[in-house]
């Protein structure tokens, strides 16, 4: 049974459109990781319910094992270190 993995982010400060596009591209590349069926990254609909979150990642994984592989995969770790942590809390 597929597993959906969702992560919400808050911008830590200002980000340029190029920085946000690079973050999006690095996260969408998660679909290259074996077991990840698809990956999306985008803005959160601005409302009180968003509680300050500005962006989200949603990915579908074939099963729990695929999600566990994703957690330590170099593509994932590089994207987090290079594009996510510098921009988001």
PDB file of N, CA and C in Angstrom:
ATOM      1  N   UNK A   1       0.839  -1.179   0.000  1.00  0.00           N
ATOM      2  CA  UNK A   1       0.000   0.000   0.000  1.00  0.00           C
ATOM      3  C   UNK A   1       0.886   1.245   0.000  1.00  0.00           C
ATOM      4  N   UNK A   2       0.636   2.197  -0.893  1.00  0.00           N
ATOM      5  CA  UNK A   2       1.451   3.415  -0.955  1.00  0.00           C
ATOM      6  C   UNK A   2       1.335   4.253   0.319  1.00  0.00           C
ATOM      7  N   UNK A   3       2.396   4.986   0.598  1.00  0.00           N
ATOM      8  CA  UNK A   3       2.444   5.880   1.753  1.00  0.00           C
ATOM      9  C   UNK A   3       2.659   7.298   1.247  1.00  0.00           C
ATOM     10  N   UNK A   4       1.837   8.228   1.717  1.00  0.00           N
ATOM     11  CA  UNK A   4       2.041   9.637   1.423  1.00  0.00           C
ATOM     12  C   UNK A   4       2.833  10.256   2.562  1.00  0.00           C
ATOM     13  N   UNK A   5       3.866  11.001   2.207  1.00  0.00           N
ATOM     14  CA  UNK A   5       4.717  11.672   3.186  1.00  0.00           C
ATOM     15  C   UNK A   5       4.583  13.169   2.943  1.00  0.00           C
ATOM     16  N   UNK A   6       4.188  13.910   3.970  1.00  0.00           N
ATOM     17  CA  UNK A   6       3.970  15.344   3.857  1.00  0.00           C
ATOM     18  C   UNK A   6       4.822  16.066   4.884  1.00  0.00           C
ATOM     19  N   UNK A   7       5.493  17.142   4.442  1.00  0.00           N
ATOM     20  CA  UNK A   7       6.288  17.978   5.336  1.00  0.00           C
ATOM     21  C   UNK A   7       5.920  19.429   5.058  1.00  0.00           C
ATOM     22  N   UNK A   8       5.648  20.179   6.122  1.00  0.00           N
ATOM     23  CA  UNK A   8       5.349  21.600   6.004  1.00  0.00           C
ATOM     24  C   UNK A   8       6.563  22.408   6.419  1.00  0.00           C
ATOM     25  N   UNK A   9       6.772  23.548   5.752  1.00  0.00           N
ATOM     26  CA  UNK A   9       7.931  24.398   6.006  1.00  0.00           C
ATOM     27  C   UNK A   9       7.492  25.841   6.234  1.00  0.00           C
ATOM     28  N   UNK A  10       8.313  26.575   7.004  1.00  0.00           N
ATOM     29  CA  UNK A  10       8.134  28.012   7.183  1.00  0.00           C
ATOM     30  C   UNK A  10       9.402  28.683   6.685  1.00  0.00           C
ATOM     31  N   UNK A  11       9.238  29.678   5.814  1.00  0.00           N
ATOM     32  CA  UNK A  11      10.401  30.435   5.377  1.00  0.00           C
ATOM     33  C   UNK A  11      11.068  31.060   6.589  1.00  0.00           C
ATOM     34  N   UNK A  12      12.391  30.983   6.658  1.00  0.00           N
ATOM     35  CA  UNK A  12      13.134  31.543   7.777  1.00  0.00           C
ATOM     36  C   UNK A  12      13.355  33.040   7.614  1.00  0.00           C
ATOM     37  N   UNK A  13      13.216  33.537   6.410  1.00  0.00           N
ATOM     38  CA  UNK A  13      13.432  34.953   6.113  1.00  0.00           C
ATOM     39  C   UNK A  13      13.110  35.188   4.653  1.00  0.00           C
ATOM     40  N   UNK A  14      13.851  36.068   4.052  1.00  0.00           N
ATOM     41  CA  UNK A  14      13.649  36.356   2.635  1.00  0.00           C
ATOM     42  C   UNK A  14      14.273  35.261   1.775  1.00  0.00           C
ATOM     43  N   UNK A  15      13.647  34.986   0.667  1.00  0.00           N
ATOM     44  CA  UNK A  15      14.181  34.033  -0.307  1.00  0.00           C
ATOM     45  C   UNK A  15      13.908  34.591  -1.696  1.00  0.00           C
ATOM     46  N   UNK A  16      14.888  34.486  -2.558  1.00  0.00           N
ATOM     47  CA  UNK A  16      14.700  34.966  -3.926  1.00  0.00           C
ATOM     48  C   UNK A  16      13.906  33.934  -4.719  1.00  0.00           C
ATOM     49  N   UNK A  17      13.290  34.366  -5.818  1.00  0.00           N
ATOM     50  CA  UNK A  17      12.609  33.385  -6.676  1.00  0.00           C
ATOM     51  C   UNK A  17      13.555  32.280  -7.156  1.00  0.00           C
ATOM     52  N   UNK A  18      14.806  32.621  -7.442  1.00  0.00           N
ATOM     53  CA  UNK A  18      15.771  31.599  -7.876  1.00  0.00           C
ATOM     54  C   UNK A  18      16.050  30.587  -6.767  1.00  0.00           C
ATOM     55  N   UNK A  19      16.156  31.051  -5.526  1.00  0.00           N
ATOM     56  CA  UNK A  19      16.384  30.135  -4.411  1.00  0.00           C
ATOM     57  C   UNK A  19      15.196  29.193  -4.231  1.00  0.00           C
ATOM     58  N   UNK A  20      13.996  29.744  -4.334  1.00  0.00           N
ATOM     59  CA  UNK A  20      12.804  28.906  -4.191  1.00  0.00           C
ATOM     60  C   UNK A  20      12.678  27.914  -5.340  1.00  0.00           C
ATOM     61  N   UNK A  21      13.025  28.337  -6.539  1.00  0.00           N
ATOM     62  CA  UNK A  21      12.977  27.427  -7.681  1.00  0.00           C
ATOM     63  C   UNK A  21      14.004  26.306  -7.527  1.00  0.00           C
ATOM     64  N   UNK A  22      15.192  26.634  -7.023  1.00  0.00           N
ATOM     65  CA  UNK A  22      16.218  25.612  -6.794  1.00  0.00           C
ATOM     66  C   UNK A  22      15.763  24.626  -5.718  1.00  0.00           C
ATOM     67  N   UNK A  23      15.113  25.130  -4.672  1.00  0.00           N
ATOM     68  CA  UNK A  23      14.591  24.247  -3.626  1.00  0.00           C
ATOM     69  C   UNK A  23      13.532  23.325  -4.215  1.00  0.00           C
ATOM     70  N   UNK A  24      12.637  23.889  -5.007  1.00  0.00           N
ATOM     71  CA  UNK A  24      11.583  23.079  -5.631  1.00  0.00           C
ATOM     72  C   UNK A  24      12.188  21.994  -6.517  1.00  0.00           C
ATOM     73  N   UNK A  25      13.143  22.369  -7.355  1.00  0.00           N
ATOM     74  CA  UNK A  25      13.765  21.400  -8.265  1.00  0.00           C
ATOM     75  C   UNK A  25      14.459  20.282  -7.485  1.00  0.00           C
ATOM     76  N   UNK A  26      15.128  20.636  -6.384  1.00  0.00           N
ATOM     77  CA  UNK A  26      15.829  19.610  -5.613  1.00  0.00           C
ATOM     78  C   UNK A  26      14.853  18.653  -4.939  1.00  0.00           C
ATOM     79  N   UNK A  27      13.710  19.172  -4.504  1.00  0.00           N
ATOM     80  CA  UNK A  27      12.714  18.322  -3.855  1.00  0.00           C
ATOM     81  C   UNK A  27      11.974  17.462  -4.882  1.00  0.00           C
ATOM     82  N   UNK A  28      11.639  18.028  -6.018  1.00  0.00           N
ATOM     83  CA  UNK A  28      10.960  17.253  -7.063  1.00  0.00           C
ATOM     84  C   UNK A  28      11.864  16.109  -7.551  1.00  0.00           C
ATOM     85  N   UNK A  29      13.177  16.304  -7.450  1.00  0.00           N
ATOM     86  CA  UNK A  29      14.119  15.248  -7.848  1.00  0.00           C
ATOM     87  C   UNK A  29      14.036  14.024  -6.936  1.00  0.00           C
ATOM     88  N   UNK A  30      13.313  14.137  -5.817  1.00  0.00           N
ATOM     89  CA  UNK A  30      13.134  12.975  -4.950  1.00  0.00           C
ATOM     90  C   UNK A  30      12.469  11.829  -5.710  1.00  0.00           C
ATOM     91  N   UNK A  31      11.726  12.154  -6.754  1.00  0.00           N
ATOM     92  CA  UNK A  31      11.068  11.095  -7.532  1.00  0.00           C
ATOM     93  C   UNK A  31      12.076  10.204  -8.246  1.00  0.00           C
ATOM     94  N   UNK A  32      13.343  10.608  -8.298  1.00  0.00           N
ATOM     95  CA  UNK A  32      14.401   9.767  -8.867  1.00  0.00           C
ATOM     96  C   UNK A  32      14.862   8.692  -7.889  1.00  0.00           C
ATOM     97  N   UNK A  33      14.492   8.837  -6.627  1.00  0.00           N
ATOM     98  CA  UNK A  33      14.888   7.863  -5.609  1.00  0.00           C
ATOM     99  C   UNK A  33      14.018   6.620  -5.765  1.00  0.00           C
ATOM    100  N   UNK A  34      14.635   5.444  -5.838  1.00  0.00           N
ATOM    101  CA  UNK A  34      13.842   4.218  -5.987  1.00  0.00           C
ATOM    102  C   UNK A  34      12.781   4.112  -4.893  1.00  0.00           C
ATOM    103  N   UNK A  35      11.559   3.801  -5.314  1.00  0.00           N
ATOM    104  CA  UNK A  35      10.457   3.651  -4.381  1.00  0.00           C
ATOM    105  C   UNK A  35       9.619   4.899  -4.197  1.00  0.00           C
ATOM    106  N   UNK A  36      10.103   6.037  -4.704  1.00  0.00           N
ATOM    107  CA  UNK A  36       9.317   7.274  -4.654  1.00  0.00           C
ATOM    108  C   UNK A  36       8.578   7.410  -5.984  1.00  0.00           C
ATOM    109  N   UNK A  37       7.265   7.321  -5.938  1.00  0.00           N
ATOM    110  CA  UNK A  37       6.458   7.365  -7.160  1.00  0.00           C
ATOM    111  C   UNK A  37       6.380   8.769  -7.733  1.00  0.00           C
ATOM    112  N   UNK A  38       6.240   9.753  -6.859  1.00  0.00           N
ATOM    113  CA  UNK A  38       6.195  11.151  -7.283  1.00  0.00           C
ATOM    114  C   UNK A  38       6.489  12.046  -6.096  1.00  0.00           C
ATOM    115  N   UNK A  39       6.913  13.282  -6.403  1.00  0.00           N
ATOM    116  CA  UNK A  39       7.226  14.266  -5.362  1.00  0.00           C
ATOM    117  C   UNK A  39       6.795  15.640  -5.849  1.00  0.00           C
ATOM    118  N   UNK A  40       6.182  16.408  -4.955  1.00  0.00           N
ATOM    119  CA  UNK A  40       5.732  17.759  -5.284  1.00  0.00           C
ATOM    120  C   UNK A  40       6.166  18.722  -4.185  1.00  0.00           C
ATOM    121  N   UNK A  41       6.409  19.967  -4.577  1.00  0.00           N
ATOM    122  CA  UNK A  41       6.787  21.019  -3.631  1.00  0.00           C
ATOM    123  C   UNK A  41       6.098  22.295  -4.079  1.00  0.00           C
ATOM    124  N   UNK A  42       5.487  23.002  -3.149  1.00  0.00           N
ATOM    125  CA  UNK A  42       4.824  24.238  -3.536  1.00  0.00           C
ATOM    126  C   UNK A  42       4.383  25.053  -2.349  1.00  0.00           C
ATOM    127  N   UNK A  43       3.722  26.159  -2.654  1.00  0.00           N
ATOM    128  CA  UNK A  43       3.216  27.064  -1.634  1.00  0.00           C
ATOM    129  C   UNK A  43       2.038  26.434  -0.900  1.00  0.00           C
ATOM    130  N   UNK A  44       1.903  26.818   0.355  1.00  0.00           N
ATOM    131  CA  UNK A  44       0.729  26.472   1.144  1.00  0.00           C
ATOM    132  C   UNK A  44      -0.289  27.582   0.922  1.00  0.00           C
ATOM    133  N   UNK A  45      -1.555  27.225   0.809  1.00  0.00           N
ATOM    134  CA  UNK A  45      -2.602  28.226   0.651  1.00  0.00           C
ATOM    135  C   UNK A  45      -2.589  29.129   1.882  1.00  0.00           C
ATOM    136  N   UNK A  46      -2.417  30.438   1.689  1.00  0.00           N
ATOM    137  CA  UNK A  46      -2.299  31.336   2.850  1.00  0.00           C
ATOM    138  C   UNK A  46      -3.648  31.534   3.556  1.00  0.00           C
ATOM    139  N   UNK A  47      -3.707  31.105   4.795  1.00  0.00           N
ATOM    140  CA  UNK A  47      -4.891  31.288   5.625  1.00  0.00           C
ATOM    141  C   UNK A  47      -4.471  31.124   7.082  1.00  0.00           C
ATOM    142  N   UNK A  48      -5.369  31.402   7.997  1.00  0.00           N
ATOM    143  CA  UNK A  48      -5.073  31.190   9.416  1.00  0.00           C
ATOM    144  C   UNK A  48      -4.774  29.725   9.698  1.00  0.00           C
ATOM    145  N   UNK A  49      -5.413  28.845   8.969  1.00  0.00           N
ATOM    146  CA  UNK A  49      -5.218  27.408   9.182  1.00  0.00           C
ATOM    147  C   UNK A  49      -3.805  26.965   8.832  1.00  0.00           C
ATOM    148  N   UNK A  50      -3.093  27.741   8.004  1.00  0.00           N
ATOM    149  CA  UNK A  50      -1.726  27.379   7.621  1.00  0.00           C
ATOM    150  C   UNK A  50      -0.752  27.556   8.785  1.00  0.00           C
ATOM    151  N   UNK A  51      -1.142  28.330   9.801  1.00  0.00           N
ATOM    152  CA  UNK A  51      -0.333  28.524  11.012  1.00  0.00           C
ATOM    153  C   UNK A  51       1.092  28.975  10.716  1.00  0.00           C
ATOM    154  N   UNK A  52       1.242  29.798   9.698  1.00  0.00           N
ATOM    155  CA  UNK A  52       2.558  30.337   9.376  1.00  0.00           C
ATOM    156  C   UNK A  52       3.388  29.496   8.425  1.00  0.00           C
ATOM    157  N   UNK A  53       2.922  28.301   8.103  1.00  0.00           N
ATOM    158  CA  UNK A  53       3.648  27.471   7.152  1.00  0.00           C
ATOM    159  C   UNK A  53       3.476  28.078   5.767  1.00  0.00           C
ATOM    160  N   UNK A  54       4.551  28.096   5.009  1.00  0.00           N
ATOM    161  CA  UNK A  54       4.538  28.753   3.705  1.00  0.00           C
ATOM    162  C   UNK A  54       4.668  27.792   2.529  1.00  0.00           C
ATOM    163  N   UNK A  55       5.264  26.619   2.744  1.00  0.00           N
ATOM    164  CA  UNK A  55       5.528  25.667   1.667  1.00  0.00           C
ATOM    165  C   UNK A  55       5.325  24.244   2.169  1.00  0.00           C
ATOM    166  N   UNK A  56       5.153  23.331   1.212  1.00  0.00           N
ATOM    167  CA  UNK A  56       4.988  21.939   1.601  1.00  0.00           C
ATOM    168  C   UNK A  56       5.605  20.993   0.575  1.00  0.00           C
ATOM    169  N   UNK A  57       5.987  19.832   1.082  1.00  0.00           N
ATOM    170  CA  UNK A  57       6.433  18.720   0.249  1.00  0.00           C
ATOM    171  C   UNK A  57       5.421  17.606   0.451  1.00  0.00           C
ATOM    172  N   UNK A  58       5.042  16.983  -0.639  1.00  0.00           N
ATOM    173  CA  UNK A  58       4.220  15.777  -0.587  1.00  0.00           C
ATOM    174  C   UNK A  58       4.844  14.771  -1.543  1.00  0.00           C
ATOM    175  N   UNK A  59       5.075  13.578  -1.060  1.00  0.00           N
ATOM    176  CA  UNK A  59       5.622  12.517  -1.896  1.00  0.00           C
ATOM    177  C   UNK A  59       4.886  11.215  -1.653  1.00  0.00           C
ATOM    178  N   UNK A  60       4.821  10.404  -2.686  1.00  0.00           N
ATOM    179  CA  UNK A  60       4.214   9.084  -2.547  1.00  0.00           C
ATOM    180  C   UNK A  60       5.310   8.032  -2.657  1.00  0.00           C
ATOM    181  N   UNK A  61       5.294   7.117  -1.694  1.00  0.00           N
ATOM    182  CA  UNK A  61       6.278   6.050  -1.642  1.00  0.00           C
ATOM    183  C   UNK A  61       5.569   4.707  -1.728  1.00  0.00           C
ATOM    184  N   UNK A  62       6.233   3.755  -2.380  1.00  0.00           N
ATOM    185  CA  UNK A  62       5.621   2.450  -2.629  1.00  0.00           C
ATOM    186  C   UNK A  62       5.207   1.744  -1.345  1.00  0.00           C
ATOM    187  N   UNK A  63       6.022   1.896  -0.295  1.00  0.00           N
ATOM    188  CA  UNK A  63       5.761   1.220   0.974  1.00  0.00           C
ATOM    189  C   UNK A  63       6.653   1.838   2.052  1.00  0.00           C
ATOM    190  N   UNK A  64       6.545   1.336   3.268  1.00  0.00           N
ATOM    191  CA  UNK A  64       7.328   1.861   4.382  1.00  0.00           C
ATOM    192  C   UNK A  64       8.824   1.695   4.150  1.00  0.00           C
ATOM    193  N   UNK A  65       9.228   0.587   3.563  1.00  0.00           N
ATOM    194  CA  UNK A  65      10.644   0.352   3.285  1.00  0.00           C
ATOM    195  C   UNK A  65      11.196   1.426   2.341  1.00  0.00           C
ATOM    196  N   UNK A  66      10.436   1.792   1.328  1.00  0.00           N
ATOM    197  CA  UNK A  66      10.866   2.835   0.399  1.00  0.00           C
ATOM    198  C   UNK A  66      11.013   4.173   1.113  1.00  0.00           C
ATOM    199  N   UNK A  67      10.109   4.479   2.036  1.00  0.00           N
ATOM    200  CA  UNK A  67      10.206   5.723   2.807  1.00  0.00           C
ATOM    201  C   UNK A  67      11.448   5.704   3.692  1.00  0.00           C
ATOM    202  N   UNK A  68      11.766   4.567   4.253  1.00  0.00           N
ATOM    203  CA  UNK A  68      12.959   4.448   5.089  1.00  0.00           C
ATOM    204  C   UNK A  68      14.236   4.602   4.259  1.00  0.00           C
ATOM    205  N   UNK A  69      14.255   4.080   3.054  1.00  0.00           N
ATOM    206  CA  UNK A  69      15.399   4.257   2.149  1.00  0.00           C
ATOM    207  C   UNK A  69      15.545   5.726   1.788  1.00  0.00           C
ATOM    208  N   UNK A  70      14.441   6.377   1.501  1.00  0.00           N
ATOM    209  CA  UNK A  70      14.419   7.801   1.174  1.00  0.00           C
ATOM    210  C   UNK A  70      15.069   8.634   2.272  1.00  0.00           C
ATOM    211  N   UNK A  71      14.813   8.293   3.524  1.00  0.00           N
ATOM    212  CA  UNK A  71      15.291   9.082   4.653  1.00  0.00           C
ATOM    213  C   UNK A  71      16.806   9.264   4.662  1.00  0.00           C
ATOM    214  N   UNK A  72      17.544   8.280   4.160  1.00  0.00           N
ATOM    215  CA  UNK A  72      19.005   8.372   4.181  1.00  0.00           C
ATOM    216  C   UNK A  72      19.621   8.419   2.779  1.00  0.00           C
ATOM    217  N   UNK A  73      18.789   8.578   1.770  1.00  0.00           N
ATOM    218  CA  UNK A  73      19.294   8.592   0.395  1.00  0.00           C
ATOM    219  C   UNK A  73      20.077   9.877   0.124  1.00  0.00           C
ATOM    220  N   UNK A  74      21.201   9.802  -0.603  1.00  0.00           N
ATOM    221  CA  UNK A  74      22.024  10.991  -0.874  1.00  0.00           C
ATOM    222  C   UNK A  74      21.281  12.134  -1.573  1.00  0.00           C
ATOM    223  N   UNK A  75      20.356  11.837  -2.469  1.00  0.00           N
ATOM    224  CA  UNK A  75      19.594  12.908  -3.139  1.00  0.00           C
ATOM    225  C   UNK A  75      18.780  13.687  -2.108  1.00  0.00           C
ATOM    226  N   UNK A  76      18.150  12.982  -1.193  1.00  0.00           N
ATOM    227  CA  UNK A  76      17.359  13.611  -0.135  1.00  0.00           C
ATOM    228  C   UNK A  76      18.247  14.433   0.791  1.00  0.00           C
ATOM    229  N   UNK A  77      19.322  13.839   1.272  1.00  0.00           N
ATOM    230  CA  UNK A  77      20.207  14.526   2.220  1.00  0.00           C
ATOM    231  C   UNK A  77      20.854  15.766   1.603  1.00  0.00           C
ATOM    232  N   UNK A  78      21.240  15.687   0.340  1.00  0.00           N
ATOM    233  CA  UNK A  78      21.852  16.836  -0.352  1.00  0.00           C
ATOM    234  C   UNK A  78      20.836  17.969  -0.515  1.00  0.00           C
ATOM    235  N   UNK A  79      19.620  17.640  -0.888  1.00  0.00           N
ATOM    236  CA  UNK A  79      18.582  18.669  -1.052  1.00  0.00           C
ATOM    237  C   UNK A  79      18.302  19.367   0.268  1.00  0.00           C
ATOM    238  N   UNK A  80      18.214  18.610   1.335  1.00  0.00           N
ATOM    239  CA  UNK A  80      17.950  19.202   2.650  1.00  0.00           C
ATOM    240  C   UNK A  80      19.101  20.125   3.052  1.00  0.00           C
ATOM    241  N   UNK A  81      20.326  19.658   2.921  1.00  0.00           N
ATOM    242  CA  UNK A  81      21.486  20.453   3.344  1.00  0.00           C
ATOM    243  C   UNK A  81      21.688  21.690   2.481  1.00  0.00           C
ATOM    244  N   UNK A  82      21.475  21.565   1.183  1.00  0.00           N
ATOM    245  CA  UNK A  82      21.795  22.644   0.253  1.00  0.00           C
ATOM    246  C   UNK A  82      20.651  23.627   0.048  1.00  0.00           C
ATOM    247  N   UNK A  83      19.422  23.140   0.001  1.00  0.00           N
ATOM    248  CA  UNK A  83      18.312  24.008  -0.407  1.00  0.00           C
ATOM    249  C   UNK A  83      17.222  24.210   0.641  1.00  0.00           C
ATOM    250  N   UNK A  84      17.025  23.255   1.525  1.00  0.00           N
ATOM    251  CA  UNK A  84      15.912  23.369   2.461  1.00  0.00           C
ATOM    252  C   UNK A  84      16.336  24.062   3.752  1.00  0.00           C
ATOM    253  N   UNK A  85      17.351  23.552   4.439  1.00  0.00           N
ATOM    254  CA  UNK A  85      17.764  24.148   5.699  1.00  0.00           C
ATOM    255  C   UNK A  85      18.188  25.606   5.589  1.00  0.00           C
ATOM    256  N   UNK A  86      18.856  26.023   4.516  1.00  0.00           N
ATOM    257  CA  UNK A  86      19.217  27.446   4.419  1.00  0.00           C
ATOM    258  C   UNK A  86      18.016  28.394   4.284  1.00  0.00           C
ATOM    259  N   UNK A  87      16.879  27.902   3.825  1.00  0.00           N
ATOM    260  CA  UNK A  87      15.728  28.769   3.570  1.00  0.00           C
ATOM    261  C   UNK A  87      14.588  28.630   4.574  1.00  0.00           C
ATOM    262  N   UNK A  88      14.450  27.443   5.165  1.00  0.00           N
ATOM    263  CA  UNK A  88      13.262  27.152   5.966  1.00  0.00           C
ATOM    264  C   UNK A  88      13.623  26.760   7.394  1.00  0.00           C
ATOM    265  N   UNK A  89      12.696  27.124   8.317  1.00  0.00           N
ATOM    266  CA  UNK A  89      12.834  26.696   9.720  1.00  0.00           C
ATOM    267  C   UNK A  89      12.386  25.265   9.863  1.00  0.00           C
TER     268      UNK A  89
END
